[in-house]
């Protein structure tokens, strides 16, 4: 059962987090290029897959419970970083995209600042997920083997 849960957890991460990471990263350059039709699609991908992404921690907790590692430092750190990534996505990236979609200025200093902030927040989201991925693979201090 552990292998099934782990497989579901990894598949959910690939299917849910991957599209959000790519679409969110493509959004600021699409704003710069003035491709409004692409922006709507990229934002929709981010919103939908963010909701689907709830499956990742659900399967993760089930897997960790089955493996008996819920108290391990690497897992607790991963949980905290996952929560931080979710907060960045929900409270910074998605609202930033919505602000640009709602007609924030497309040219000038204000537009550059908004795009730059969104790109930075997206990079932070991606970096958090990359760190979680490394922790899930390396599992420092784990006694369950490598």
C-alpha atoms as a PDB file:
ATOM      1  CA  UNK A   1       0.000   0.000   0.000  1.00  0.00           C
ATOM      2  CA  UNK A   2       2.916   2.334   0.708  1.00  0.00           C
ATOM      3  CA  UNK A   3       4.163   2.016  -2.877  1.00  0.00           C
ATOM      4  CA  UNK A   4       0.709   2.867  -4.216  1.00  0.00           C
ATOM      5  CA  UNK A   5       0.447   5.934  -1.981  1.00  0.00           C
ATOM      6  CA  UNK A   6       3.953   7.074  -2.882  1.00  0.00           C
ATOM      7  CA  UNK A   7       3.188   6.605  -6.583  1.00  0.00           C
ATOM      8  CA  UNK A   8      -0.014   8.634  -6.266  1.00  0.00           C
ATOM      9  CA  UNK A   9       1.850  11.343  -4.330  1.00  0.00           C
ATOM     10  CA  UNK A  10       4.580  11.628  -6.979  1.00  0.00           C
ATOM     11  CA  UNK A  11       2.073  11.525  -9.863  1.00  0.00           C
ATOM     12  CA  UNK A  12      -0.055  14.207  -8.215  1.00  0.00           C
ATOM     13  CA  UNK A  13       3.038  16.382  -7.774  1.00  0.00           C
ATOM     14  CA  UNK A  14       4.054  15.976 -11.402  1.00  0.00           C
ATOM     15  CA  UNK A  15       0.560  16.471 -12.823  1.00  0.00           C
ATOM     16  CA  UNK A  16      -0.487  19.333 -10.518  1.00  0.00           C
ATOM     17  CA  UNK A  17       2.644  21.278  -9.632  1.00  0.00           C
ATOM     18  CA  UNK A  18       4.402  20.960 -12.988  1.00  0.00           C
ATOM     19  CA  UNK A  19       1.776  22.858 -15.013  1.00  0.00           C
ATOM     20  CA  UNK A  20       1.494  25.599 -12.377  1.00  0.00           C
ATOM     21  CA  UNK A  21       5.256  26.042 -12.324  1.00  0.00           C
ATOM     22  CA  UNK A  22       5.500  26.302 -16.105  1.00  0.00           C
ATOM     23  CA  UNK A  23       2.388  28.459 -16.625  1.00  0.00           C
ATOM     24  CA  UNK A  24       3.303  30.848 -13.803  1.00  0.00           C
ATOM     25  CA  UNK A  25       6.816  31.202 -15.223  1.00  0.00           C
ATOM     26  CA  UNK A  26       5.457  31.951 -18.694  1.00  0.00           C
ATOM     27  CA  UNK A  27       3.044  34.629 -17.454  1.00  0.00           C
ATOM     28  CA  UNK A  28       5.424  37.618 -16.930  1.00  0.00           C
ATOM     29  CA  UNK A  29       7.075  37.238 -20.377  1.00  0.00           C
ATOM     30  CA  UNK A  30       3.615  36.929 -21.954  1.00  0.00           C
ATOM     31  CA  UNK A  31       2.621  40.203 -20.272  1.00  0.00           C
ATOM     32  CA  UNK A  32       5.725  41.861 -21.671  1.00  0.00           C
ATOM     33  CA  UNK A  33       4.827  40.554 -25.145  1.00  0.00           C
ATOM     34  CA  UNK A  34       1.254  41.850 -24.777  1.00  0.00           C
ATOM     35  CA  UNK A  35      -0.370  38.480 -25.462  1.00  0.00           C
ATOM     36  CA  UNK A  36      -3.628  38.873 -23.542  1.00  0.00           C
ATOM     37  CA  UNK A  37      -5.215  35.704 -24.979  1.00  0.00           C
ATOM     38  CA  UNK A  38      -2.264  33.679 -23.654  1.00  0.00           C
ATOM     39  CA  UNK A  39      -2.489  35.391 -20.255  1.00  0.00           C
ATOM     40  CA  UNK A  40      -6.051  34.210 -19.712  1.00  0.00           C
ATOM     41  CA  UNK A  41      -5.089  30.618 -20.512  1.00  0.00           C
ATOM     42  CA  UNK A  42      -1.955  30.711 -18.348  1.00  0.00           C
ATOM     43  CA  UNK A  43      -3.893  32.143 -15.410  1.00  0.00           C
ATOM     44  CA  UNK A  44      -6.610  29.508 -15.791  1.00  0.00           C
ATOM     45  CA  UNK A  45      -3.960  26.767 -15.788  1.00  0.00           C
ATOM     46  CA  UNK A  46      -2.471  28.198 -12.598  1.00  0.00           C
ATOM     47  CA  UNK A  47      -5.850  28.400 -10.846  1.00  0.00           C
ATOM     48  CA  UNK A  48      -7.130  24.974 -11.868  1.00  0.00           C
ATOM     49  CA  UNK A  49      -3.920  23.093 -11.176  1.00  0.00           C
ATOM     50  CA  UNK A  50      -3.444  24.930  -7.883  1.00  0.00           C
ATOM     51  CA  UNK A  51      -6.778  23.443  -6.799  1.00  0.00           C
ATOM     52  CA  UNK A  52      -5.783  19.992  -8.093  1.00  0.00           C
ATOM     53  CA  UNK A  53      -2.507  20.413  -6.192  1.00  0.00           C
ATOM     54  CA  UNK A  54      -4.346  19.827  -2.899  1.00  0.00           C
ATOM     55  CA  UNK A  55      -3.947  16.123  -3.714  1.00  0.00           C
ATOM     56  CA  UNK A  56      -0.162  16.384  -3.334  1.00  0.00           C
ATOM     57  CA  UNK A  57      -0.058  16.986   0.439  1.00  0.00           C
ATOM     58  CA  UNK A  58      -3.023  14.652   1.004  1.00  0.00           C
ATOM     59  CA  UNK A  59      -1.207  11.732  -0.625  1.00  0.00           C
ATOM     60  CA  UNK A  60       2.010  12.937   1.000  1.00  0.00           C
ATOM     61  CA  UNK A  61       0.564  12.757   4.517  1.00  0.00           C
ATOM     62  CA  UNK A  62      -0.888   9.316   3.804  1.00  0.00           C
ATOM     63  CA  UNK A  63       2.475   8.112   2.478  1.00  0.00           C
ATOM     64  CA  UNK A  64       4.415   9.596   5.407  1.00  0.00           C
ATOM     65  CA  UNK A  65       2.008   7.999   7.854  1.00  0.00           C
ATOM     66  CA  UNK A  66       2.379   4.602   6.169  1.00  0.00           C
ATOM     67  CA  UNK A  67       6.179   4.950   6.265  1.00  0.00           C
ATOM     68  CA  UNK A  68       6.151   6.137   9.883  1.00  0.00           C
ATOM     69  CA  UNK A  69       8.143   9.303   9.135  1.00  0.00           C
ATOM     70  CA  UNK A  70       5.656  11.999  10.155  1.00  0.00           C
ATOM     71  CA  UNK A  71       8.021  13.306  12.839  1.00  0.00           C
ATOM     72  CA  UNK A  72      11.189  13.356  10.718  1.00  0.00           C
ATOM     73  CA  UNK A  73      12.874  16.737  10.359  1.00  0.00           C
ATOM     74  CA  UNK A  74      13.177  16.490   6.561  1.00  0.00           C
ATOM     75  CA  UNK A  75       9.443  15.881   6.271  1.00  0.00           C
ATOM     76  CA  UNK A  76       8.469  18.644   8.692  1.00  0.00           C
ATOM     77  CA  UNK A  77      10.711  21.031   6.742  1.00  0.00           C
ATOM     78  CA  UNK A  78       9.114  19.864   3.479  1.00  0.00           C
ATOM     79  CA  UNK A  79       5.642  20.435   4.901  1.00  0.00           C
ATOM     80  CA  UNK A  80       6.572  23.958   6.004  1.00  0.00           C
ATOM     81  CA  UNK A  81       8.098  24.754   2.598  1.00  0.00           C
ATOM     82  CA  UNK A  82       5.046  23.313   0.820  1.00  0.00           C
ATOM     83  CA  UNK A  83       2.785  25.522   2.937  1.00  0.00           C
ATOM     84  CA  UNK A  84       4.989  28.516   2.115  1.00  0.00           C
ATOM     85  CA  UNK A  85       4.846  27.689  -1.616  1.00  0.00           C
ATOM     86  CA  UNK A  86       1.060  27.387  -1.458  1.00  0.00           C
ATOM     87  CA  UNK A  87       0.828  30.737   0.347  1.00  0.00           C
ATOM     88  CA  UNK A  88       3.048  32.436  -2.251  1.00  0.00           C
ATOM     89  CA  UNK A  89       0.889  31.002  -5.031  1.00  0.00           C
ATOM     90  CA  UNK A  90      -2.470  31.834  -3.465  1.00  0.00           C
ATOM     91  CA  UNK A  91      -1.647  35.216  -1.918  1.00  0.00           C
ATOM     92  CA  UNK A  92       0.935  36.638  -4.326  1.00  0.00           C
ATOM     93  CA  UNK A  93       1.191  34.922  -7.721  1.00  0.00           C
ATOM     94  CA  UNK A  94      -2.507  34.420  -8.516  1.00  0.00           C
ATOM     95  CA  UNK A  95      -3.552  37.901  -7.298  1.00  0.00           C
ATOM     96  CA  UNK A  96      -0.625  39.419  -9.221  1.00  0.00           C
ATOM     97  CA  UNK A  97      -1.776  37.682 -12.372  1.00  0.00           C
ATOM     98  CA  UNK A  98      -5.353  38.841 -11.769  1.00  0.00           C
ATOM     99  CA  UNK A  99      -4.151  42.405 -11.286  1.00  0.00           C
ATOM    100  CA  UNK A 100      -2.384  42.319 -14.647  1.00  0.00           C
ATOM    101  CA  UNK A 101      -5.402  40.712 -16.303  1.00  0.00           C
ATOM    102  CA  UNK A 102      -7.693  43.378 -14.872  1.00  0.00           C
ATOM    103  CA  UNK A 103      -5.898  46.001 -16.882  1.00  0.00           C
ATOM    104  CA  UNK A 104      -2.937  47.174 -14.895  1.00  0.00           C
ATOM    105  CA  UNK A 105      -0.797  49.433 -17.069  1.00  0.00           C
ATOM    106  CA  UNK A 106       1.111  47.512 -19.723  1.00  0.00           C
ATOM    107  CA  UNK A 107       3.802  50.145 -20.231  1.00  0.00           C
ATOM    108  CA  UNK A 108       5.930  52.398 -18.056  1.00  0.00           C
ATOM    109  CA  UNK A 109       7.546  52.175 -14.656  1.00  0.00           C
ATOM    110  CA  UNK A 110       4.448  50.902 -12.842  1.00  0.00           C
ATOM    111  CA  UNK A 111       3.960  48.052 -15.315  1.00  0.00           C
ATOM    112  CA  UNK A 112       7.620  47.105 -15.088  1.00  0.00           C
ATOM    113  CA  UNK A 113       7.428  47.062 -11.285  1.00  0.00           C
ATOM    114  CA  UNK A 114       4.275  44.896 -11.304  1.00  0.00           C
ATOM    115  CA  UNK A 115       5.783  42.443 -13.826  1.00  0.00           C
ATOM    116  CA  UNK A 116       9.072  42.311 -11.952  1.00  0.00           C
ATOM    117  CA  UNK A 117       7.338  41.658  -8.631  1.00  0.00           C
ATOM    118  CA  UNK A 118       5.235  38.896 -10.192  1.00  0.00           C
ATOM    119  CA  UNK A 119       8.314  37.316 -11.781  1.00  0.00           C
ATOM    120  CA  UNK A 120      10.109  37.404  -8.415  1.00  0.00           C
ATOM    121  CA  UNK A 121       7.150  35.863  -6.601  1.00  0.00           C
ATOM    122  CA  UNK A 122       6.875  33.159  -9.259  1.00  0.00           C
ATOM    123  CA  UNK A 123      10.590  32.453  -8.890  1.00  0.00           C
ATOM    124  CA  UNK A 124      10.155  32.160  -5.128  1.00  0.00           C
ATOM    125  CA  UNK A 125       7.294  29.696  -5.638  1.00  0.00           C
ATOM    126  CA  UNK A 126       9.424  27.633  -8.033  1.00  0.00           C
ATOM    127  CA  UNK A 127      12.446  27.695  -5.720  1.00  0.00           C
ATOM    128  CA  UNK A 128      10.357  26.499  -2.782  1.00  0.00           C
ATOM    129  CA  UNK A 129       9.041  23.575  -4.832  1.00  0.00           C
ATOM    130  CA  UNK A 130      12.510  22.713  -6.083  1.00  0.00           C
ATOM    131  CA  UNK A 131      13.745  22.644  -2.482  1.00  0.00           C
ATOM    132  CA  UNK A 132      10.868  20.381  -1.437  1.00  0.00           C
ATOM    133  CA  UNK A 133      11.673  18.052  -4.338  1.00  0.00           C
ATOM    134  CA  UNK A 134      15.313  17.804  -3.272  1.00  0.00           C
ATOM    135  CA  UNK A 135      14.305  17.140   0.341  1.00  0.00           C
ATOM    136  CA  UNK A 136      11.921  14.405  -0.799  1.00  0.00           C
ATOM    137  CA  UNK A 137      14.694  12.709  -2.748  1.00  0.00           C
ATOM    138  CA  UNK A 138      17.633  13.180  -0.371  1.00  0.00           C
ATOM    139  CA  UNK A 139      15.679  12.854   2.913  1.00  0.00           C
ATOM    140  CA  UNK A 140      18.561  13.951   5.169  1.00  0.00           C
ATOM    141  CA  UNK A 141      18.691  11.888   8.343  1.00  0.00           C
ATOM    142  CA  UNK A 142      16.069   9.425   7.127  1.00  0.00           C
ATOM    143  CA  UNK A 143      16.183   5.922   8.500  1.00  0.00           C
ATOM    144  CA  UNK A 144      13.957   4.486   5.762  1.00  0.00           C
ATOM    145  CA  UNK A 145      16.856   4.110   3.330  1.00  0.00           C
ATOM    146  CA  UNK A 146      17.791   6.002   0.197  1.00  0.00           C
END
